[in-house]
Amino acid sequence: MCPCCDSELIQDEDVLDTWFSSALWPFSTLGWPHSADASRGKPDNDFTKYAPGMTKHDFDYFYPTTVMETGYDILPFWVARMATFGLEFTDKNPFETVYFHGLVRDEHNRKMSKSLGNVLDPLDIIPKYGADALRMALVVGSSPGQDLAIGEAKIKGYRNFSNKIWNASRFVILRVTDGELKTGQTGSIKIEDLDIDVEKLTKADKKIIKNHNEIIKSVTAKLDKFKFSQAGEELYEYFWHNFCDLYIEDSKTQLDDEKTKENTKKVLIKILSESLILLHPFVPFVTEAVWQELRQVYPKLEKSVVIAGWPE
């Protein structure tokens, strides 16, 4: 009965409580309980009527998951319930690791809201600065569990980084193929292999290769430990300042010297291609675009940077 008007109240039978439905999410989307029944030897002759598009193997293959990524604010509402329901109904924790990120705030650290007029709409930002710039701005500077202050100035800065990747890569491709820098016309020369002659390495070659190997180890270790912001910062500094500002400048002289020309081309392609793989999780669109250009120069590259092996 309603305490105010004494009328009889009837609960809507077609409503599933938000917290309850979210708790079931990790396994109910995989056809549970019918997929679970089937995997445990129980008969289920008409599985598709319960979960169209799923197979009897999806629950066994995908559950439990590896990482749950979410904001810290819903820990007691969703994450704890998911774990509780998972253990209760499947005897398994739905995920091995929970990664909590902070909330996105404006550049003055205020909560974004329509009433304040400080909301940054991705549909407005992406056409202006690019999806890569927005993605990088959200990753770099974000510590686990700490809120992130972000404004257009930061996004604009990472748009410049995307442009740097493109411009540096185009320069490398044009110089390696003897293309035209003024017109942007790629030359006909192709690199057949990346067998670098160690005896002909210059001081600049050795320095960039050493720095490159160090950044691979460092970034890989940080990604494995979910230190995404630090990995992004290191890649930004390395690519812009070590590779672009230092080595590419040194390579201009080396490419004009017949003794170092061919070796320098191979070093450039090796460093650039592996850097694109490292950068891809942060700026996927520009790295894929450059990768396709680079494949015209060095055809042995994989068809897409997405499936390229992680450098070691």
Protein backbone atom coordinates (compact mmCIF):
# COMPACT_ATOMS: atom_id res chain seq x y z
CA MET A 1 0.00 0.00 0.00
CA CYS A 2 1.11 3.54 -0.70
CA PRO A 3 1.86 5.30 2.63
CA CYS A 4 0.62 8.61 1.21
CA CYS A 5 -2.68 7.73 -0.47
CA ASP A 6 -3.37 4.17 0.76
CA SER A 7 -3.64 2.99 -2.83
CA GLU A 8 -2.50 -0.49 -3.78
CA LEU A 9 0.91 -0.53 -5.54
CA ILE A 10 1.80 -3.13 -8.15
CA GLN A 11 5.40 -3.59 -9.22
CA ASP A 12 5.98 -3.49 -12.95
CA GLU A 13 6.66 -7.06 -13.98
CA ASP A 14 8.73 -6.02 -17.02
CA VAL A 15 11.54 -4.22 -15.18
CA LEU A 16 14.90 -5.77 -14.30
CA ASP A 17 16.75 -3.84 -11.63
CA THR A 18 19.89 -2.12 -12.97
CA TRP A 19 22.21 -3.43 -10.27
CA PHE A 20 20.85 -6.94 -10.63
CA SER A 21 21.18 -6.97 -14.43
CA SER A 22 24.72 -5.59 -14.27
CA ALA A 23 25.70 -8.29 -11.80
CA LEU A 24 24.68 -10.94 -14.33
CA TRP A 25 26.41 -9.22 -17.24
CA PRO A 26 29.75 -11.13 -17.39
CA PHE A 27 28.08 -14.51 -17.94
CA SER A 28 24.47 -13.86 -19.00
CA THR A 29 25.71 -12.31 -22.26
CA LEU A 30 27.43 -15.60 -23.08
CA GLY A 31 24.26 -17.67 -23.03
CA TRP A 32 24.18 -18.54 -19.34
CA PRO A 33 22.53 -20.54 -17.87
CA HIS A 34 21.79 -22.62 -20.95
CA SER A 35 25.36 -22.61 -22.27
CA ALA A 36 26.56 -23.57 -18.80
CA ASP A 37 24.08 -26.44 -18.68
CA ALA A 38 25.19 -27.66 -22.08
CA SER A 39 28.88 -27.50 -21.17
CA ARG A 40 28.19 -29.56 -18.05
CA GLY A 41 26.58 -32.39 -20.01
CA LYS A 42 22.93 -31.42 -19.51
CA PRO A 43 20.66 -31.79 -22.56
CA ASP A 44 19.80 -28.65 -24.48
CA ASN A 45 18.44 -29.37 -27.94
CA ASP A 46 17.32 -25.86 -28.78
CA PHE A 47 20.09 -23.62 -27.43
CA THR A 48 19.76 -20.85 -30.06
CA LYS A 49 16.30 -19.82 -28.88
CA TYR A 50 17.86 -18.61 -25.62
CA ALA A 51 20.90 -16.84 -27.06
CA PRO A 52 20.73 -16.18 -30.83
CA GLY A 53 24.16 -15.97 -32.41
CA MET A 54 25.91 -17.69 -29.51
CA THR A 55 27.31 -21.19 -29.54
CA LYS A 56 27.50 -23.75 -26.79
CA HIS A 57 31.21 -23.03 -26.49
CA ASP A 58 31.09 -19.26 -25.85
CA PHE A 59 30.58 -19.54 -22.11
CA ASP A 60 33.48 -21.99 -21.74
CA TYR A 61 35.73 -20.02 -24.07
CA PHE A 62 35.16 -16.46 -22.87
CA TYR A 63 34.30 -16.92 -19.20
CA PRO A 64 35.91 -15.90 -16.95
CA THR A 65 37.42 -12.81 -18.54
CA THR A 66 40.87 -11.43 -17.80
CA VAL A 67 40.46 -7.71 -17.08
CA MET A 68 37.54 -5.62 -15.89
CA GLU A 69 38.09 -1.91 -16.57
CA THR A 70 35.78 0.66 -15.02
CA GLY A 71 35.52 3.85 -13.00
CA TYR A 72 36.16 3.60 -9.27
CA ASP A 73 32.76 5.10 -8.45
CA ILE A 74 30.82 1.91 -9.25
CA LEU A 75 32.94 -0.52 -7.24
CA PRO A 76 30.19 -1.32 -4.67
CA PHE A 77 27.36 -1.15 -7.22
CA TRP A 78 28.56 -3.19 -10.19
CA VAL A 79 31.99 -4.73 -9.66
CA ALA A 80 31.30 -6.27 -6.25
CA ARG A 81 27.95 -7.60 -7.44
CA MET A 82 29.51 -9.10 -10.57
CA ALA A 83 32.07 -10.94 -8.46
CA THR A 84 29.44 -12.09 -5.96
CA PHE A 85 26.99 -13.33 -8.58
CA GLY A 86 29.77 -14.91 -10.62
CA LEU A 87 30.98 -16.97 -7.68
CA GLU A 88 27.43 -17.89 -6.68
CA PHE A 89 26.15 -19.02 -10.07
CA THR A 90 29.29 -20.22 -11.89
CA ASP A 91 31.73 -21.03 -9.08
CA LYS A 92 34.22 -18.73 -10.82
CA ASN A 93 35.29 -15.12 -10.30
CA PRO A 94 34.23 -13.30 -13.52
CA PHE A 95 37.60 -11.54 -13.94
CA GLU A 96 41.18 -11.91 -12.79
CA THR A 97 42.06 -8.20 -12.59
CA VAL A 98 40.01 -5.05 -11.97
CA TYR A 99 41.51 -1.83 -13.35
CA PHE A 100 39.95 1.32 -11.90
CA HIS A 101 40.35 4.60 -13.74
CA GLY A 102 39.37 8.03 -12.51
CA LEU A 103 36.54 10.29 -13.64
CA VAL A 104 37.05 12.79 -16.45
CA ARG A 105 36.77 16.40 -15.29
CA ASP A 106 37.22 19.73 -17.04
CA GLU A 107 40.53 21.61 -17.12
CA HIS A 108 39.60 23.37 -13.85
CA ASN A 109 38.98 19.98 -12.18
CA ARG A 110 35.23 20.53 -12.06
CA LYS A 111 32.77 17.74 -12.75
CA MET A 112 31.46 17.97 -16.30
CA SER A 113 27.79 18.87 -16.51
CA LYS A 114 25.43 20.42 -19.01
CA SER A 115 24.37 23.08 -16.51
CA LEU A 116 27.98 24.31 -16.21
CA GLY A 117 28.44 24.14 -19.96
CA ASN A 118 31.84 22.49 -19.59
CA VAL A 119 31.09 19.16 -21.30
CA LEU A 120 33.48 18.06 -24.06
CA ASP A 121 31.41 16.07 -26.53
CA PRO A 122 33.52 13.52 -28.44
CA LEU A 123 31.28 14.05 -31.47
CA ASP A 124 32.42 17.68 -31.52
CA ILE A 125 36.04 17.07 -30.52
CA ILE A 126 36.88 14.27 -32.97
CA PRO A 127 36.09 16.22 -36.19
CA LYS A 128 38.12 19.13 -34.82
CA TYR A 129 41.21 17.37 -33.44
CA GLY A 130 40.91 13.71 -34.42
CA ALA A 131 40.08 10.54 -32.49
CA ASP A 132 43.76 9.79 -31.89
CA ALA A 133 44.35 13.13 -30.18
CA LEU A 134 41.34 12.64 -27.90
CA ARG A 135 42.39 9.08 -27.11
CA MET A 136 45.96 10.08 -26.23
CA ALA A 137 44.77 13.01 -24.11
CA LEU A 138 42.57 10.68 -22.08
CA VAL A 139 45.35 8.16 -21.49
CA VAL A 140 48.38 10.32 -20.72
CA GLY A 141 48.17 11.92 -17.31
CA SER A 142 45.59 9.46 -16.06
CA SER A 143 46.62 7.56 -12.94
CA PRO A 144 44.60 4.58 -11.65
CA GLY A 145 41.82 5.77 -9.36
CA GLN A 146 42.66 9.47 -9.83
CA ASP A 147 40.39 11.90 -11.68
CA LEU A 148 41.65 13.37 -14.94
CA ALA A 149 41.39 17.07 -15.79
CA ILE A 150 41.14 17.60 -19.53
CA GLY A 151 40.53 20.58 -21.82
CA GLU A 152 40.82 21.40 -25.50
CA ALA A 153 44.38 22.70 -25.05
CA LYS A 154 45.59 19.24 -24.04
CA ILE A 155 43.73 17.56 -26.90
CA LYS A 156 45.17 20.08 -29.34
CA GLY A 157 48.68 19.23 -28.13
CA TYR A 158 48.18 15.56 -28.97
CA ARG A 159 46.76 16.50 -32.35
CA ASN A 160 50.17 18.05 -32.97
CA PHE A 161 51.73 14.74 -31.94
CA SER A 162 49.59 12.87 -34.47
CA ASN A 163 50.72 15.32 -37.12
CA LYS A 164 54.33 14.77 -36.04
CA ILE A 165 53.98 11.01 -36.53
CA TRP A 166 52.53 11.51 -39.98
CA ASN A 167 55.01 14.15 -41.14
CA ALA A 168 58.07 12.29 -39.81
CA SER A 169 56.89 9.06 -41.39
CA ARG A 170 56.24 10.72 -44.74
CA PHE A 171 59.72 12.22 -44.65
CA VAL A 172 61.27 8.81 -43.99
CA ILE A 173 59.26 7.15 -46.76
CA LEU A 174 60.14 9.84 -49.30
CA ARG A 175 63.84 9.87 -48.48
CA VAL A 176 64.16 6.08 -48.37
CA THR A 177 62.52 5.72 -51.79
CA ASP A 178 64.26 8.74 -53.33
CA GLY A 179 60.87 10.44 -53.61
CA GLU A 180 60.11 14.11 -54.11
CA LEU A 181 59.92 16.08 -50.86
CA LYS A 182 58.23 19.07 -52.49
CA THR A 183 55.48 17.17 -54.29
CA GLY A 184 55.18 14.25 -51.88
CA GLN A 185 55.59 11.77 -54.70
CA THR A 186 56.95 8.46 -53.41
CA GLY A 187 59.93 7.01 -55.30
CA SER A 188 60.11 3.54 -56.84
CA ILE A 189 62.86 2.13 -54.60
CA LYS A 190 61.80 -0.65 -52.22
CA ILE A 191 63.61 -2.14 -49.23
CA GLU A 192 63.94 -5.90 -49.69
CA ASP A 193 65.24 -6.75 -46.22
CA LEU A 194 66.27 -5.18 -42.92
CA ASP A 195 69.63 -6.94 -42.61
CA ILE A 196 71.57 -4.09 -41.03
CA ASP A 197 75.36 -4.16 -41.44
CA VAL A 198 76.59 -3.80 -37.87
CA GLU A 199 80.09 -2.85 -39.05
CA LYS A 200 78.74 0.20 -40.86
CA LEU A 201 76.64 1.59 -38.02
CA THR A 202 77.40 5.20 -37.22
CA LYS A 203 77.44 6.75 -33.76
CA ALA A 204 73.92 8.09 -34.40
CA ASP A 205 72.73 4.64 -35.55
CA LYS A 206 74.04 2.93 -32.43
CA LYS A 207 72.52 5.55 -30.17
CA ILE A 208 69.01 5.33 -31.64
CA ILE A 209 69.08 1.52 -31.71
CA LYS A 210 70.13 1.46 -28.05
CA ASN A 211 67.39 3.95 -27.10
CA HIS A 212 64.87 2.03 -29.19
CA ASN A 213 65.61 -1.28 -27.48
CA GLU A 214 65.36 0.39 -24.08
CA ILE A 215 61.99 1.94 -24.90
CA ILE A 216 60.62 -1.41 -26.08
CA LYS A 217 61.51 -3.05 -22.77
CA SER A 218 60.29 -0.14 -20.68
CA VAL A 219 56.96 0.37 -22.49
CA THR A 220 56.23 -3.37 -22.58
CA ALA A 221 56.85 -3.67 -18.84
CA LYS A 222 54.61 -0.68 -18.09
CA LEU A 223 51.77 -1.96 -20.25
CA ASP A 224 51.98 -5.34 -18.54
CA LYS A 225 51.56 -3.53 -15.21
CA PHE A 226 48.69 -1.34 -16.48
CA LYS A 227 50.82 1.82 -16.31
CA PHE A 228 49.28 3.18 -19.50
CA SER A 229 49.90 6.85 -18.80
CA GLN A 230 53.61 6.37 -18.14
CA ALA A 231 53.98 4.21 -21.25
CA GLY A 232 52.29 6.89 -23.36
CA GLU A 233 54.49 9.63 -21.94
CA GLU A 234 57.67 7.63 -22.66
CA LEU A 235 56.61 6.93 -26.25
CA TYR A 236 55.76 10.60 -26.79
CA GLU A 237 59.17 11.75 -25.55
CA TYR A 238 61.05 9.01 -27.39
CA PHE A 239 59.38 9.39 -30.78
CA TRP A 240 59.29 13.17 -30.87
CA HIS A 241 62.65 14.02 -29.33
CA ASN A 242 64.91 10.98 -29.82
CA PHE A 243 63.70 9.69 -33.16
CA CYS A 244 62.43 12.84 -34.88
CA ASP A 245 64.52 15.65 -33.43
CA LEU A 246 67.81 13.74 -33.22
CA TYR A 247 68.04 10.69 -35.43
CA ILE A 248 66.03 11.89 -38.41
CA GLU A 249 68.15 15.05 -38.46
CA ASP A 250 71.34 12.95 -38.37
CA SER A 251 69.99 10.65 -41.07
CA LYS A 252 69.70 13.52 -43.55
CA THR A 253 73.49 13.68 -43.79
CA GLN A 254 73.89 9.91 -43.74
CA LEU A 255 71.41 9.45 -46.60
CA ASP A 256 73.55 11.73 -48.76
CA ASP A 257 76.65 9.62 -48.11
CA GLU A 258 77.02 6.53 -50.32
CA LYS A 259 78.89 4.69 -47.55
CA THR A 260 76.07 4.97 -45.02
CA LYS A 261 73.04 5.45 -47.28
CA GLU A 262 71.71 1.87 -47.53
CA ASN A 263 72.30 1.03 -43.88
CA THR A 264 70.60 4.23 -42.76
CA LYS A 265 67.51 3.39 -44.82
CA LYS A 266 67.18 0.04 -43.07
CA VAL A 267 67.67 1.56 -39.63
CA LEU A 268 64.99 4.16 -40.38
CA ILE A 269 62.47 1.54 -41.54
CA LYS A 270 63.19 -0.74 -38.59
CA ILE A 271 62.86 2.02 -35.97
CA LEU A 272 59.80 3.57 -37.62
CA SER A 273 57.89 0.31 -38.16
CA GLU A 274 58.48 -0.94 -34.61
CA SER A 275 57.63 2.48 -33.19
CA LEU A 276 54.30 2.37 -35.02
CA ILE A 277 53.52 -0.95 -33.33
CA LEU A 278 54.35 0.49 -29.91
CA LEU A 279 52.27 3.61 -30.58
CA HIS A 280 49.30 1.78 -32.09
CA PRO A 281 47.40 1.17 -28.80
CA PHE A 282 47.50 4.91 -28.16
CA VAL A 283 46.99 6.40 -31.63
CA PRO A 284 45.53 3.60 -33.78
CA PHE A 285 44.30 5.57 -36.78
CA VAL A 286 47.40 7.53 -37.77
CA THR A 287 49.67 4.53 -37.12
CA GLU A 288 47.55 2.30 -39.38
CA ALA A 289 47.52 4.96 -42.11
CA VAL A 290 51.31 5.30 -41.95
CA TRP A 291 51.73 1.52 -41.83
CA GLN A 292 49.91 1.14 -45.15
CA GLU A 293 52.21 3.75 -46.68
CA LEU A 294 55.23 1.97 -45.24
CA ARG A 295 54.15 -1.36 -46.75
CA GLN A 296 54.66 0.17 -50.18
CA VAL A 297 58.30 0.72 -49.23
CA TYR A 298 58.93 -2.49 -47.30
CA PRO A 299 56.43 -5.13 -48.58
CA LYS A 300 57.42 -7.73 -45.97
CA LEU A 301 55.45 -5.90 -43.30
CA GLU A 302 52.20 -7.49 -42.11
CA LYS A 303 49.02 -6.39 -43.89
CA SER A 304 47.99 -4.37 -40.86
CA VAL A 305 49.77 -2.99 -37.83
CA VAL A 306 47.02 -4.61 -35.73
CA ILE A 307 48.39 -8.09 -36.42
CA ALA A 308 52.07 -7.19 -36.45
CA GLY A 309 54.18 -8.95 -33.82
CA TRP A 310 55.13 -6.93 -30.75
CA PRO A 311 58.81 -5.91 -30.96
CA GLU A 312 61.27 -7.53 -28.56
